[in-house]
N, C-alpha and C. Protein backbone atom coordinates (compact mmCIF):
# COMPACT_ATOMS: atom_id res chain seq x y z
N MET A 1 -4.23 10.03 37.78
CA MET A 1 -3.83 10.27 36.40
C MET A 1 -4.71 9.42 35.46
N LYS A 2 -5.26 10.09 34.45
CA LYS A 2 -6.08 9.38 33.48
C LYS A 2 -5.21 8.59 32.52
N LYS A 3 -5.50 7.33 32.37
CA LYS A 3 -4.68 6.48 31.53
C LYS A 3 -5.10 6.56 30.06
N ILE A 4 -4.15 6.26 29.18
CA ILE A 4 -4.41 6.18 27.75
C ILE A 4 -5.02 4.81 27.46
N ARG A 5 -6.25 4.81 26.98
CA ARG A 5 -6.97 3.55 26.73
C ARG A 5 -6.63 3.04 25.33
N VAL A 6 -6.09 1.83 25.25
CA VAL A 6 -5.59 1.28 23.99
C VAL A 6 -6.34 0.01 23.61
N LEU A 7 -6.70 -0.09 22.34
CA LEU A 7 -7.27 -1.31 21.78
C LEU A 7 -6.24 -1.90 20.82
N ILE A 8 -5.89 -3.16 21.02
CA ILE A 8 -4.90 -3.84 20.17
C ILE A 8 -5.63 -4.68 19.13
N ALA A 9 -5.39 -4.41 17.84
CA ALA A 9 -6.00 -5.18 16.77
C ALA A 9 -4.91 -5.87 15.95
N ASP A 10 -4.77 -7.17 16.16
CA ASP A 10 -3.76 -7.96 15.45
C ASP A 10 -4.21 -9.41 15.48
N ASP A 11 -3.98 -10.14 14.39
CA ASP A 11 -4.49 -11.51 14.34
C ASP A 11 -3.55 -12.53 14.98
N HIS A 12 -2.39 -12.11 15.47
CA HIS A 12 -1.46 -13.04 16.10
C HIS A 12 -1.58 -12.95 17.63
N ALA A 13 -2.08 -14.02 18.24
CA ALA A 13 -2.32 -14.03 19.68
C ALA A 13 -1.03 -13.83 20.47
N LEU A 14 0.07 -14.43 20.00
CA LEU A 14 1.33 -14.30 20.73
C LEU A 14 1.83 -12.86 20.72
N LEU A 15 1.65 -12.18 19.59
CA LEU A 15 2.06 -10.77 19.52
C LEU A 15 1.20 -9.93 20.44
N ARG A 16 -0.11 -10.18 20.45
CA ARG A 16 -1.00 -9.43 21.34
C ARG A 16 -0.59 -9.64 22.80
N ALA A 17 -0.22 -10.87 23.14
CA ALA A 17 0.21 -11.14 24.52
C ALA A 17 1.48 -10.37 24.85
N GLY A 18 2.41 -10.32 23.90
CA GLY A 18 3.64 -9.57 24.13
C GLY A 18 3.38 -8.09 24.26
N LEU A 19 2.48 -7.55 23.44
CA LEU A 19 2.14 -6.13 23.53
C LEU A 19 1.45 -5.82 24.86
N ASN A 20 0.63 -6.75 25.31
CA ASN A 20 -0.02 -6.58 26.60
C ASN A 20 1.00 -6.43 27.71
N ARG A 21 1.99 -7.31 27.72
CA ARG A 21 3.02 -7.25 28.76
C ARG A 21 3.80 -5.94 28.67
N LEU A 22 4.11 -5.52 27.46
CA LEU A 22 4.88 -4.29 27.26
C LEU A 22 4.10 -3.07 27.73
N LEU A 23 2.85 -2.98 27.32
CA LEU A 23 2.06 -1.78 27.61
C LEU A 23 1.55 -1.74 29.04
N ASN A 24 1.21 -2.89 29.60
CA ASN A 24 0.70 -2.91 30.97
C ASN A 24 1.76 -2.54 32.00
N ALA A 25 3.01 -2.55 31.59
CA ALA A 25 4.10 -2.14 32.49
C ALA A 25 4.17 -0.62 32.63
N GLU A 26 3.42 0.10 31.78
CA GLU A 26 3.43 1.57 31.82
C GLU A 26 2.26 2.07 32.67
N SER A 27 2.55 2.98 33.58
CA SER A 27 1.52 3.44 34.52
C SER A 27 0.45 4.30 33.86
N ASP A 28 0.74 4.84 32.68
CA ASP A 28 -0.22 5.75 32.03
C ASP A 28 -0.95 5.10 30.85
N ILE A 29 -0.82 3.78 30.70
CA ILE A 29 -1.46 3.08 29.58
C ILE A 29 -2.23 1.88 30.10
N GLU A 30 -3.42 1.65 29.54
CA GLU A 30 -4.18 0.44 29.87
C GLU A 30 -4.79 -0.15 28.59
N ILE A 31 -4.81 -1.47 28.52
CA ILE A 31 -5.42 -2.18 27.39
C ILE A 31 -6.90 -2.37 27.70
N VAL A 32 -7.77 -1.82 26.87
CA VAL A 32 -9.20 -1.95 27.13
C VAL A 32 -9.81 -3.13 26.39
N ALA A 33 -9.16 -3.58 25.31
CA ALA A 33 -9.70 -4.72 24.54
C ALA A 33 -8.68 -5.16 23.51
N GLU A 34 -8.92 -6.36 22.97
CA GLU A 34 -8.13 -6.89 21.87
C GLU A 34 -9.07 -7.33 20.75
N ALA A 35 -8.57 -7.30 19.53
CA ALA A 35 -9.33 -7.78 18.38
C ALA A 35 -8.42 -8.65 17.53
N GLY A 36 -8.94 -9.79 17.08
CA GLY A 36 -8.14 -10.73 16.31
C GLY A 36 -8.38 -10.67 14.82
N ASP A 37 -9.33 -9.82 14.38
CA ASP A 37 -9.56 -9.63 12.95
C ASP A 37 -10.13 -8.24 12.72
N GLY A 38 -10.25 -7.86 11.45
CA GLY A 38 -10.66 -6.50 11.13
C GLY A 38 -12.08 -6.17 11.53
N GLU A 39 -13.00 -7.10 11.34
CA GLU A 39 -14.39 -6.83 11.71
C GLU A 39 -14.53 -6.62 13.21
N GLU A 40 -13.81 -7.43 13.98
CA GLU A 40 -13.84 -7.28 15.43
C GLU A 40 -13.21 -5.95 15.83
N ALA A 41 -12.18 -5.53 15.12
CA ALA A 41 -11.53 -4.26 15.42
C ALA A 41 -12.50 -3.09 15.23
N VAL A 42 -13.26 -3.14 14.14
CA VAL A 42 -14.23 -2.07 13.88
C VAL A 42 -15.31 -2.06 14.96
N ALA A 43 -15.87 -3.24 15.25
CA ALA A 43 -16.96 -3.33 16.23
C ALA A 43 -16.52 -2.86 17.61
N LYS A 44 -15.35 -3.28 18.06
CA LYS A 44 -14.90 -2.92 19.40
C LYS A 44 -14.48 -1.45 19.47
N THR A 45 -13.95 -0.93 18.37
CA THR A 45 -13.59 0.49 18.36
C THR A 45 -14.83 1.35 18.47
N ILE A 46 -15.87 1.00 17.74
CA ILE A 46 -17.13 1.75 17.80
C ILE A 46 -17.75 1.62 19.18
N GLU A 47 -17.69 0.43 19.76
CA GLU A 47 -18.31 0.19 21.07
C GLU A 47 -17.56 0.90 22.20
N LEU A 48 -16.24 0.81 22.20
CA LEU A 48 -15.45 1.26 23.34
C LEU A 48 -14.82 2.64 23.15
N VAL A 49 -14.67 3.08 21.91
CA VAL A 49 -14.02 4.36 21.59
C VAL A 49 -12.73 4.53 22.41
N PRO A 50 -11.73 3.70 22.16
CA PRO A 50 -10.47 3.83 22.89
C PRO A 50 -9.76 5.12 22.50
N ASP A 51 -8.81 5.53 23.30
CA ASP A 51 -8.02 6.71 22.94
C ASP A 51 -7.12 6.41 21.74
N VAL A 52 -6.56 5.19 21.72
CA VAL A 52 -5.65 4.79 20.66
C VAL A 52 -6.03 3.40 20.15
N LEU A 53 -6.14 3.28 18.84
CA LEU A 53 -6.33 1.97 18.20
C LEU A 53 -4.99 1.57 17.61
N LEU A 54 -4.42 0.49 18.12
CA LEU A 54 -3.16 -0.06 17.62
C LEU A 54 -3.52 -1.08 16.56
N LEU A 55 -3.28 -0.75 15.30
CA LEU A 55 -3.88 -1.49 14.19
C LEU A 55 -2.85 -2.13 13.26
N ASP A 56 -2.99 -3.45 13.07
CA ASP A 56 -2.20 -4.17 12.08
C ASP A 56 -2.86 -3.99 10.72
N LEU A 57 -2.09 -4.07 9.63
CA LEU A 57 -2.66 -3.90 8.30
C LEU A 57 -3.14 -5.21 7.68
N THR A 58 -2.52 -6.32 8.04
CA THR A 58 -2.85 -7.61 7.44
C THR A 58 -3.58 -8.47 8.45
N MET A 59 -4.92 -8.52 8.30
CA MET A 59 -5.75 -9.29 9.23
C MET A 59 -6.85 -10.00 8.46
N PRO A 60 -7.41 -11.08 9.04
CA PRO A 60 -8.53 -11.77 8.39
C PRO A 60 -9.79 -10.90 8.37
N ARG A 61 -10.68 -11.26 7.46
CA ARG A 61 -12.02 -10.69 7.34
C ARG A 61 -12.01 -9.25 6.85
N LEU A 62 -11.24 -8.38 7.47
CA LEU A 62 -11.05 -7.02 6.98
C LEU A 62 -9.59 -6.64 7.20
N GLY A 63 -8.92 -6.14 6.19
CA GLY A 63 -7.57 -5.65 6.37
C GLY A 63 -7.57 -4.28 7.03
N GLY A 64 -6.40 -3.85 7.46
CA GLY A 64 -6.31 -2.59 8.16
C GLY A 64 -6.77 -1.39 7.35
N ILE A 65 -6.51 -1.39 6.04
CA ILE A 65 -6.96 -0.29 5.19
C ILE A 65 -8.49 -0.19 5.21
N ASP A 66 -9.16 -1.33 5.13
CA ASP A 66 -10.62 -1.34 5.17
C ASP A 66 -11.13 -0.91 6.54
N VAL A 67 -10.43 -1.29 7.60
CA VAL A 67 -10.82 -0.85 8.94
C VAL A 67 -10.76 0.67 9.02
N LEU A 68 -9.67 1.25 8.52
CA LEU A 68 -9.55 2.71 8.50
C LEU A 68 -10.68 3.35 7.70
N ARG A 69 -10.98 2.77 6.56
CA ARG A 69 -12.03 3.33 5.70
C ARG A 69 -13.38 3.32 6.41
N LEU A 70 -13.70 2.23 7.08
CA LEU A 70 -14.98 2.13 7.78
C LEU A 70 -15.06 3.08 8.98
N LEU A 71 -13.95 3.19 9.70
CA LEU A 71 -13.95 4.04 10.89
C LEU A 71 -13.95 5.53 10.53
N ALA A 72 -13.42 5.86 9.35
CA ALA A 72 -13.36 7.27 8.95
C ALA A 72 -14.76 7.89 8.90
N GLY A 73 -15.75 7.09 8.50
CA GLY A 73 -17.11 7.62 8.42
C GLY A 73 -17.81 7.73 9.76
N LYS A 74 -17.20 7.20 10.81
CA LYS A 74 -17.83 7.23 12.14
C LYS A 74 -17.44 8.47 12.94
N HIS A 75 -16.37 9.14 12.51
CA HIS A 75 -15.91 10.38 13.17
C HIS A 75 -15.71 10.20 14.68
N LEU A 76 -15.01 9.13 15.02
CA LEU A 76 -14.73 8.84 16.43
C LEU A 76 -13.45 9.55 16.88
N ALA A 77 -13.39 9.89 18.14
CA ALA A 77 -12.19 10.53 18.70
C ALA A 77 -11.18 9.45 19.07
N VAL A 78 -10.68 8.76 18.05
CA VAL A 78 -9.73 7.66 18.25
C VAL A 78 -8.49 7.94 17.40
N ALA A 79 -7.33 7.92 18.03
CA ALA A 79 -6.07 8.07 17.31
C ALA A 79 -5.62 6.70 16.84
N VAL A 80 -5.38 6.54 15.55
CA VAL A 80 -4.98 5.25 14.99
C VAL A 80 -3.47 5.22 14.79
N LEU A 81 -2.86 4.20 15.37
CA LEU A 81 -1.42 3.97 15.22
C LEU A 81 -1.23 2.64 14.50
N ILE A 82 -0.61 2.67 13.33
CA ILE A 82 -0.38 1.46 12.55
C ILE A 82 0.88 0.76 13.08
N LEU A 83 0.73 -0.52 13.42
CA LEU A 83 1.86 -1.35 13.82
C LEU A 83 1.87 -2.55 12.89
N THR A 84 2.84 -2.60 11.98
CA THR A 84 2.76 -3.55 10.88
C THR A 84 4.13 -4.10 10.51
N MET A 85 4.13 -5.20 9.79
CA MET A 85 5.37 -5.75 9.25
C MET A 85 5.76 -5.06 7.95
N HIS A 86 4.84 -4.30 7.37
CA HIS A 86 5.06 -3.70 6.06
C HIS A 86 5.77 -2.35 6.16
N GLU A 87 7.04 -2.32 5.81
CA GLU A 87 7.76 -1.05 5.72
C GLU A 87 7.64 -0.57 4.28
N ASP A 88 6.45 -0.10 3.95
CA ASP A 88 6.09 0.19 2.57
C ASP A 88 5.61 1.62 2.48
N GLU A 89 6.23 2.42 1.60
CA GLU A 89 5.87 3.83 1.48
C GLU A 89 4.45 4.01 0.95
N GLY A 90 3.99 3.08 0.11
CA GLY A 90 2.63 3.15 -0.38
C GLY A 90 1.62 3.01 0.74
N TYR A 91 1.83 2.01 1.58
CA TYR A 91 0.97 1.84 2.75
C TYR A 91 1.05 3.07 3.65
N LEU A 92 2.25 3.58 3.86
CA LEU A 92 2.43 4.75 4.72
C LEU A 92 1.59 5.92 4.22
N ARG A 93 1.72 6.26 2.94
CA ARG A 93 0.98 7.39 2.39
C ARG A 93 -0.52 7.16 2.48
N GLU A 94 -0.96 5.95 2.14
CA GLU A 94 -2.39 5.66 2.14
C GLU A 94 -2.99 5.75 3.53
N THR A 95 -2.32 5.18 4.52
CA THR A 95 -2.88 5.21 5.88
C THR A 95 -2.89 6.62 6.46
N LEU A 96 -1.89 7.41 6.15
CA LEU A 96 -1.90 8.80 6.63
C LEU A 96 -3.04 9.58 5.98
N LYS A 97 -3.26 9.35 4.68
CA LYS A 97 -4.37 10.02 4.00
C LYS A 97 -5.71 9.66 4.63
N MET A 98 -5.80 8.43 5.13
CA MET A 98 -7.07 7.96 5.68
C MET A 98 -7.20 8.26 7.17
N GLY A 99 -6.26 9.01 7.72
CA GLY A 99 -6.45 9.50 9.08
C GLY A 99 -5.57 8.91 10.16
N ALA A 100 -4.74 7.92 9.83
CA ALA A 100 -3.83 7.37 10.85
C ALA A 100 -2.84 8.45 11.27
N LEU A 101 -2.47 8.45 12.54
CA LEU A 101 -1.53 9.44 13.05
C LEU A 101 -0.12 8.89 13.22
N GLY A 102 0.01 7.57 13.18
CA GLY A 102 1.33 6.99 13.38
C GLY A 102 1.52 5.73 12.58
N TYR A 103 2.80 5.40 12.31
CA TYR A 103 3.13 4.22 11.51
C TYR A 103 4.50 3.73 11.94
N ILE A 104 4.55 2.54 12.54
CA ILE A 104 5.84 1.97 12.93
C ILE A 104 5.85 0.48 12.60
N PRO A 105 7.00 -0.07 12.23
CA PRO A 105 7.10 -1.50 11.95
C PRO A 105 7.13 -2.31 13.24
N LYS A 106 6.67 -3.54 13.16
CA LYS A 106 6.63 -4.39 14.35
C LYS A 106 8.01 -4.63 14.94
N LYS A 107 9.02 -4.65 14.09
CA LYS A 107 10.37 -4.90 14.59
C LYS A 107 10.83 -3.80 15.55
N ALA A 108 10.17 -2.63 15.49
CA ALA A 108 10.57 -1.52 16.35
C ALA A 108 9.64 -1.34 17.54
N ALA A 109 8.71 -2.28 17.74
CA ALA A 109 7.71 -2.11 18.79
C ALA A 109 8.33 -1.93 20.17
N GLU A 110 9.34 -2.72 20.47
CA GLU A 110 9.93 -2.67 21.82
C GLU A 110 10.55 -1.32 22.13
N THR A 111 11.10 -0.66 21.12
CA THR A 111 11.80 0.61 21.36
C THR A 111 10.95 1.84 21.04
N GLU A 112 9.97 1.69 20.12
CA GLU A 112 9.25 2.85 19.62
C GLU A 112 7.80 2.96 20.09
N LEU A 113 7.20 1.81 20.46
CA LEU A 113 5.75 1.78 20.62
C LEU A 113 5.23 2.70 21.73
N ILE A 114 5.87 2.70 22.87
CA ILE A 114 5.38 3.51 23.99
C ILE A 114 5.37 4.99 23.61
N SER A 115 6.47 5.46 23.06
CA SER A 115 6.55 6.87 22.64
C SER A 115 5.52 7.17 21.57
N ALA A 116 5.32 6.22 20.65
CA ALA A 116 4.36 6.43 19.57
C ALA A 116 2.94 6.56 20.10
N ILE A 117 2.57 5.71 21.03
CA ILE A 117 1.22 5.77 21.62
C ILE A 117 1.00 7.11 22.30
N ARG A 118 1.96 7.54 23.08
CA ARG A 118 1.81 8.82 23.78
C ARG A 118 1.73 9.99 22.80
N ALA A 119 2.50 9.90 21.72
CA ALA A 119 2.50 10.99 20.74
C ALA A 119 1.17 11.10 20.00
N VAL A 120 0.66 9.98 19.49
CA VAL A 120 -0.60 10.06 18.75
C VAL A 120 -1.75 10.41 19.67
N HIS A 121 -1.66 10.01 20.93
CA HIS A 121 -2.68 10.40 21.89
C HIS A 121 -2.72 11.91 22.09
N ARG A 122 -1.56 12.55 21.94
CA ARG A 122 -1.50 14.02 22.03
C ARG A 122 -1.91 14.69 20.72
N GLY A 123 -2.22 13.88 19.72
CA GLY A 123 -2.62 14.43 18.43
C GLY A 123 -1.47 14.69 17.49
N GLU A 124 -0.28 14.16 17.82
CA GLU A 124 0.90 14.37 17.00
C GLU A 124 1.07 13.22 15.99
N ILE A 125 1.79 13.51 14.91
CA ILE A 125 2.15 12.47 13.95
C ILE A 125 3.42 11.78 14.44
N TYR A 126 3.42 10.44 14.42
CA TYR A 126 4.61 9.70 14.83
C TYR A 126 4.94 8.68 13.75
N LEU A 127 6.10 8.84 13.13
CA LEU A 127 6.55 7.92 12.09
C LEU A 127 7.90 7.33 12.46
N TYR A 128 8.10 6.07 12.11
CA TYR A 128 9.39 5.43 12.29
C TYR A 128 10.43 6.23 11.49
N PRO A 129 11.58 6.54 12.09
CA PRO A 129 12.54 7.46 11.47
C PRO A 129 12.86 7.19 10.00
N SER A 130 13.11 5.94 9.62
CA SER A 130 13.46 5.67 8.22
C SER A 130 12.31 5.97 7.28
N MET A 131 11.07 5.77 7.75
CA MET A 131 9.92 6.04 6.91
C MET A 131 9.63 7.54 6.84
N ALA A 132 9.86 8.23 7.94
CA ALA A 132 9.72 9.68 7.92
C ALA A 132 10.71 10.28 6.94
N LYS A 133 11.91 9.72 6.91
CA LYS A 133 12.95 10.21 6.01
C LYS A 133 12.52 10.07 4.55
N SER A 134 11.82 8.98 4.22
CA SER A 134 11.39 8.78 2.84
C SER A 134 10.41 9.85 2.41
N LEU A 135 9.53 10.27 3.33
CA LEU A 135 8.59 11.33 3.00
C LEU A 135 9.31 12.67 2.83
N VAL A 136 10.28 12.93 3.70
CA VAL A 136 11.05 14.16 3.59
C VAL A 136 11.83 14.19 2.28
N ASP A 137 12.43 13.05 1.92
CA ASP A 137 13.18 12.98 0.67
C ASP A 137 12.27 13.26 -0.52
N GLU A 138 11.06 12.71 -0.49
CA GLU A 138 10.12 12.95 -1.57
C GLU A 138 9.80 14.43 -1.70
N ALA A 139 9.57 15.08 -0.53
CA ALA A 139 9.23 16.49 -0.55
C ALA A 139 10.38 17.34 -1.08
N ILE A 140 11.60 17.03 -0.62
CA ILE A 140 12.78 17.80 -1.03
C ILE A 140 13.05 17.65 -2.52
N HIS A 141 12.90 16.44 -3.03
CA HIS A 141 13.25 16.18 -4.42
C HIS A 141 12.06 16.29 -5.37
N GLY A 142 10.92 16.71 -4.81
CA GLY A 142 9.77 16.97 -5.66
C GLY A 142 9.14 15.74 -6.26
N THR A 143 9.29 14.60 -5.58
CA THR A 143 8.72 13.36 -6.12
C THR A 143 7.42 12.99 -5.46
N ALA A 144 6.88 13.88 -4.67
CA ALA A 144 5.64 13.54 -3.94
C ALA A 144 4.40 14.00 -4.67
N THR A 145 4.51 14.36 -5.94
CA THR A 145 3.36 14.84 -6.67
C THR A 145 2.28 13.78 -6.80
N ARG A 146 2.66 12.50 -6.62
CA ARG A 146 1.65 11.44 -6.68
C ARG A 146 0.59 11.63 -5.62
N ASP A 147 0.94 12.31 -4.51
CA ASP A 147 -0.03 12.52 -3.45
C ASP A 147 -1.18 13.40 -3.90
N GLU A 148 -0.99 14.15 -4.98
CA GLU A 148 -2.03 15.03 -5.46
C GLU A 148 -2.94 14.30 -6.44
N GLU A 149 -2.60 13.07 -6.80
CA GLU A 149 -3.38 12.30 -7.73
C GLU A 149 -4.18 11.24 -6.98
N PRO A 150 -5.24 10.69 -7.60
CA PRO A 150 -5.98 9.61 -6.94
C PRO A 150 -5.06 8.45 -6.61
N PHE A 151 -5.21 7.91 -5.44
CA PHE A 151 -4.32 6.82 -5.01
C PHE A 151 -4.62 5.56 -5.80
N ASP A 152 -3.59 4.91 -6.29
CA ASP A 152 -3.71 3.69 -7.06
C ASP A 152 -3.15 2.54 -6.22
N SER A 153 -4.02 1.60 -5.85
CA SER A 153 -3.59 0.49 -5.00
C SER A 153 -2.51 -0.35 -5.65
N TYR A 154 -2.39 -0.29 -6.97
CA TYR A 154 -1.36 -1.06 -7.66
C TYR A 154 0.03 -0.68 -7.16
N GLU A 155 0.19 0.57 -6.69
CA GLU A 155 1.47 1.03 -6.16
C GLU A 155 1.88 0.27 -4.91
N LEU A 156 0.91 -0.34 -4.24
CA LEU A 156 1.21 -1.06 -3.01
C LEU A 156 1.85 -2.42 -3.28
N LEU A 157 1.70 -2.93 -4.50
CA LEU A 157 2.18 -4.27 -4.79
C LEU A 157 3.70 -4.30 -4.93
N SER A 158 4.29 -5.34 -4.37
CA SER A 158 5.71 -5.57 -4.58
C SER A 158 5.91 -6.10 -6.00
N GLN A 159 7.15 -6.14 -6.46
CA GLN A 159 7.42 -6.65 -7.80
C GLN A 159 6.99 -8.09 -7.94
N ARG A 160 7.22 -8.90 -6.92
CA ARG A 160 6.81 -10.31 -6.95
C ARG A 160 5.29 -10.43 -7.04
N GLU A 161 4.58 -9.59 -6.27
CA GLU A 161 3.12 -9.64 -6.30
C GLU A 161 2.59 -9.25 -7.68
N LYS A 162 3.25 -8.30 -8.33
CA LYS A 162 2.85 -7.93 -9.69
C LYS A 162 3.07 -9.08 -10.66
N GLU A 163 4.17 -9.81 -10.48
CA GLU A 163 4.45 -10.95 -11.34
C GLU A 163 3.39 -12.04 -11.14
N VAL A 164 3.04 -12.31 -9.88
CA VAL A 164 2.01 -13.31 -9.60
C VAL A 164 0.68 -12.88 -10.20
N LEU A 165 0.36 -11.59 -10.07
CA LEU A 165 -0.89 -11.07 -10.64
C LEU A 165 -0.94 -11.30 -12.15
N ARG A 166 0.13 -10.98 -12.84
CA ARG A 166 0.13 -11.15 -14.30
C ARG A 166 -0.05 -12.63 -14.68
N HIS A 167 0.64 -13.51 -13.96
CA HIS A 167 0.54 -14.94 -14.29
C HIS A 167 -0.86 -15.48 -13.99
N ILE A 168 -1.46 -15.04 -12.90
CA ILE A 168 -2.82 -15.49 -12.56
C ILE A 168 -3.79 -15.07 -13.65
N THR A 169 -3.71 -13.81 -14.06
CA THR A 169 -4.66 -13.30 -15.05
C THR A 169 -4.40 -13.85 -16.45
N GLN A 170 -3.24 -14.47 -16.64
CA GLN A 170 -2.96 -15.14 -17.90
C GLN A 170 -3.39 -16.61 -17.88
N GLY A 171 -4.01 -17.02 -16.76
CA GLY A 171 -4.61 -18.34 -16.69
C GLY A 171 -3.77 -19.43 -16.06
N TYR A 172 -2.61 -19.10 -15.53
CA TYR A 172 -1.75 -20.12 -14.93
C TYR A 172 -2.26 -20.51 -13.54
N THR A 173 -2.10 -21.78 -13.18
CA THR A 173 -2.44 -22.24 -11.84
C THR A 173 -1.34 -21.85 -10.86
N ASN A 174 -1.64 -21.99 -9.57
CA ASN A 174 -0.63 -21.69 -8.55
C ASN A 174 0.61 -22.58 -8.73
N GLN A 175 0.38 -23.85 -9.09
CA GLN A 175 1.50 -24.77 -9.28
C GLN A 175 2.36 -24.34 -10.47
N GLU A 176 1.70 -23.91 -11.54
CA GLU A 176 2.44 -23.46 -12.73
C GLU A 176 3.22 -22.18 -12.44
N ILE A 177 2.59 -21.27 -11.68
CA ILE A 177 3.27 -20.02 -11.33
C ILE A 177 4.48 -20.31 -10.46
N ALA A 178 4.31 -21.26 -9.53
CA ALA A 178 5.43 -21.63 -8.66
C ALA A 178 6.61 -22.12 -9.49
N GLY A 179 6.33 -22.91 -10.51
CA GLY A 179 7.39 -23.41 -11.35
C GLY A 179 8.05 -22.30 -12.16
N LYS A 180 7.26 -21.39 -12.69
CA LYS A 180 7.80 -20.31 -13.51
C LYS A 180 8.66 -19.35 -12.71
N LEU A 181 8.27 -19.11 -11.45
CA LEU A 181 8.97 -18.13 -10.63
C LEU A 181 9.95 -18.77 -9.64
N SER A 182 10.07 -20.09 -9.72
CA SER A 182 10.97 -20.84 -8.81
C SER A 182 10.62 -20.59 -7.35
N LEU A 183 9.33 -20.69 -7.05
CA LEU A 183 8.83 -20.50 -5.70
C LEU A 183 8.05 -21.74 -5.27
N SER A 184 7.79 -21.88 -3.98
CA SER A 184 6.91 -22.95 -3.51
C SER A 184 5.46 -22.53 -3.76
N ILE A 185 4.58 -23.52 -3.83
CA ILE A 185 3.16 -23.22 -4.02
C ILE A 185 2.63 -22.38 -2.86
N LYS A 186 3.07 -22.70 -1.64
CA LYS A 186 2.63 -21.94 -0.47
C LYS A 186 3.05 -20.48 -0.58
N THR A 187 4.26 -20.23 -1.07
CA THR A 187 4.73 -18.86 -1.22
C THR A 187 3.89 -18.11 -2.25
N VAL A 188 3.57 -18.78 -3.35
CA VAL A 188 2.71 -18.17 -4.37
C VAL A 188 1.35 -17.82 -3.77
N GLU A 189 0.80 -18.73 -2.98
CA GLU A 189 -0.50 -18.47 -2.35
C GLU A 189 -0.43 -17.28 -1.40
N THR A 190 0.70 -17.15 -0.71
CA THR A 190 0.88 -16.00 0.20
C THR A 190 0.93 -14.70 -0.59
N TYR A 191 1.72 -14.68 -1.67
CA TYR A 191 1.78 -13.49 -2.52
C TYR A 191 0.40 -13.15 -3.07
N LYS A 192 -0.32 -14.17 -3.49
CA LYS A 192 -1.66 -13.96 -4.06
C LYS A 192 -2.60 -13.35 -3.02
N ALA A 193 -2.58 -13.88 -1.80
CA ALA A 193 -3.46 -13.37 -0.75
C ALA A 193 -3.13 -11.92 -0.40
N ARG A 194 -1.84 -11.61 -0.29
CA ARG A 194 -1.44 -10.24 0.03
C ARG A 194 -1.82 -9.29 -1.09
N MET A 195 -1.61 -9.72 -2.33
CA MET A 195 -1.91 -8.90 -3.48
C MET A 195 -3.40 -8.60 -3.58
N MET A 196 -4.23 -9.62 -3.35
CA MET A 196 -5.67 -9.44 -3.43
C MET A 196 -6.18 -8.53 -2.31
N GLU A 197 -5.55 -8.66 -1.14
CA GLU A 197 -5.94 -7.78 -0.02
C GLU A 197 -5.61 -6.33 -0.35
N LYS A 198 -4.43 -6.09 -0.88
CA LYS A 198 -4.03 -4.72 -1.21
C LYS A 198 -4.93 -4.09 -2.27
N LEU A 199 -5.40 -4.91 -3.21
CA LEU A 199 -6.23 -4.42 -4.30
C LEU A 199 -7.71 -4.43 -3.94
N HIS A 200 -8.06 -4.97 -2.76
CA HIS A 200 -9.45 -5.11 -2.33
C HIS A 200 -10.25 -5.95 -3.34
N ILE A 201 -9.64 -7.05 -3.77
CA ILE A 201 -10.25 -7.96 -4.75
C ILE A 201 -10.42 -9.32 -4.08
N THR A 202 -11.56 -9.98 -4.36
CA THR A 202 -11.86 -11.22 -3.64
C THR A 202 -11.96 -12.45 -4.53
N SER A 203 -11.86 -12.31 -5.85
CA SER A 203 -12.00 -13.47 -6.72
C SER A 203 -11.09 -13.35 -7.93
N ARG A 204 -10.84 -14.50 -8.57
CA ARG A 204 -10.00 -14.52 -9.78
C ARG A 204 -10.67 -13.71 -10.90
N ALA A 205 -12.00 -13.78 -10.99
CA ALA A 205 -12.70 -13.02 -12.03
C ALA A 205 -12.46 -11.52 -11.89
N GLU A 206 -12.50 -11.04 -10.65
CA GLU A 206 -12.23 -9.62 -10.41
C GLU A 206 -10.79 -9.28 -10.78
N LEU A 207 -9.88 -10.20 -10.51
CA LEU A 207 -8.48 -9.98 -10.87
C LEU A 207 -8.33 -9.80 -12.38
N VAL A 208 -9.01 -10.65 -13.14
CA VAL A 208 -8.92 -10.58 -14.59
C VAL A 208 -9.47 -9.24 -15.09
N ARG A 209 -10.62 -8.81 -14.55
CA ARG A 209 -11.19 -7.53 -14.95
C ARG A 209 -10.23 -6.39 -14.62
N TYR A 210 -9.63 -6.46 -13.43
CA TYR A 210 -8.68 -5.43 -13.02
C TYR A 210 -7.49 -5.40 -13.97
N ALA A 211 -6.97 -6.57 -14.31
CA ALA A 211 -5.82 -6.65 -15.20
C ALA A 211 -6.15 -6.10 -16.59
N LEU A 212 -7.36 -6.39 -17.08
CA LEU A 212 -7.78 -5.86 -18.37
C LEU A 212 -7.85 -4.33 -18.35
N GLN A 213 -8.41 -3.79 -17.26
CA GLN A 213 -8.54 -2.34 -17.14
C GLN A 213 -7.18 -1.65 -17.14
N ARG A 214 -6.19 -2.31 -16.53
CA ARG A 214 -4.85 -1.72 -16.44
C ARG A 214 -3.97 -2.08 -17.64
N GLY A 215 -4.47 -2.95 -18.52
CA GLY A 215 -3.68 -3.38 -19.65
C GLY A 215 -2.56 -4.33 -19.29
N LEU A 216 -2.71 -5.02 -18.15
CA LEU A 216 -1.64 -5.91 -17.68
C LEU A 216 -1.52 -7.17 -18.52
N LEU A 217 -2.59 -7.56 -19.16
CA LEU A 217 -2.55 -8.81 -19.92
C LEU A 217 -1.70 -8.68 -21.18
N THR A 218 -1.38 -7.45 -21.55
CA THR A 218 -0.55 -7.25 -22.73
C THR A 218 0.92 -7.09 -22.35
N GLU A 219 1.21 -7.03 -21.01
CA GLU A 219 2.60 -6.86 -20.56
C GLU A 219 3.35 -8.17 -20.65
N THR A 220 4.64 -8.11 -20.86
CA THR A 220 5.45 -9.33 -20.90
C THR A 220 6.25 -9.44 -19.65
């Protein structure tokens, strides 16, 4: 029996070890490689062309969205399954548009992952039930018209991330933002890093330009 060749791309070594134990227990699945960051995920996917790329969205050097974007131009016969902590409809829509065949949260890995890998390997779409329901609800109630418009990464930001973005572009330091939002400085830095990754922005200057373009500096 030909096994399903899987590449695991996640920056957490302990999670990769757990996934290895879970998947290696299946007779029809084998792990061909691991990647600890986005650039390594792209390089190993191109080199090895696994049947399934198990891809996290939040990784160093390149995030999962950028990995998908780079691989899309390579036209490889690789089924991408997103395994992420983000139960976010914006991420879900964006990754499906970019060619991913599956999307499940990490909390469901133990119960859903094996079935998801087999499904995407067959060329089927596999979504975590609650997230699939959100897409169905959008279709039924006619709220999915956004899919016909250019995707706006701003939709991916949580309300807290939007607040941090506005304060940063208004010139406040991380310490000042922490005080205004009653958060720790570390938490503000985490929100800032996630927000910049989602927007594909790498500097404060780019953030200010982005905020000006969107008119965010005039918002209260």
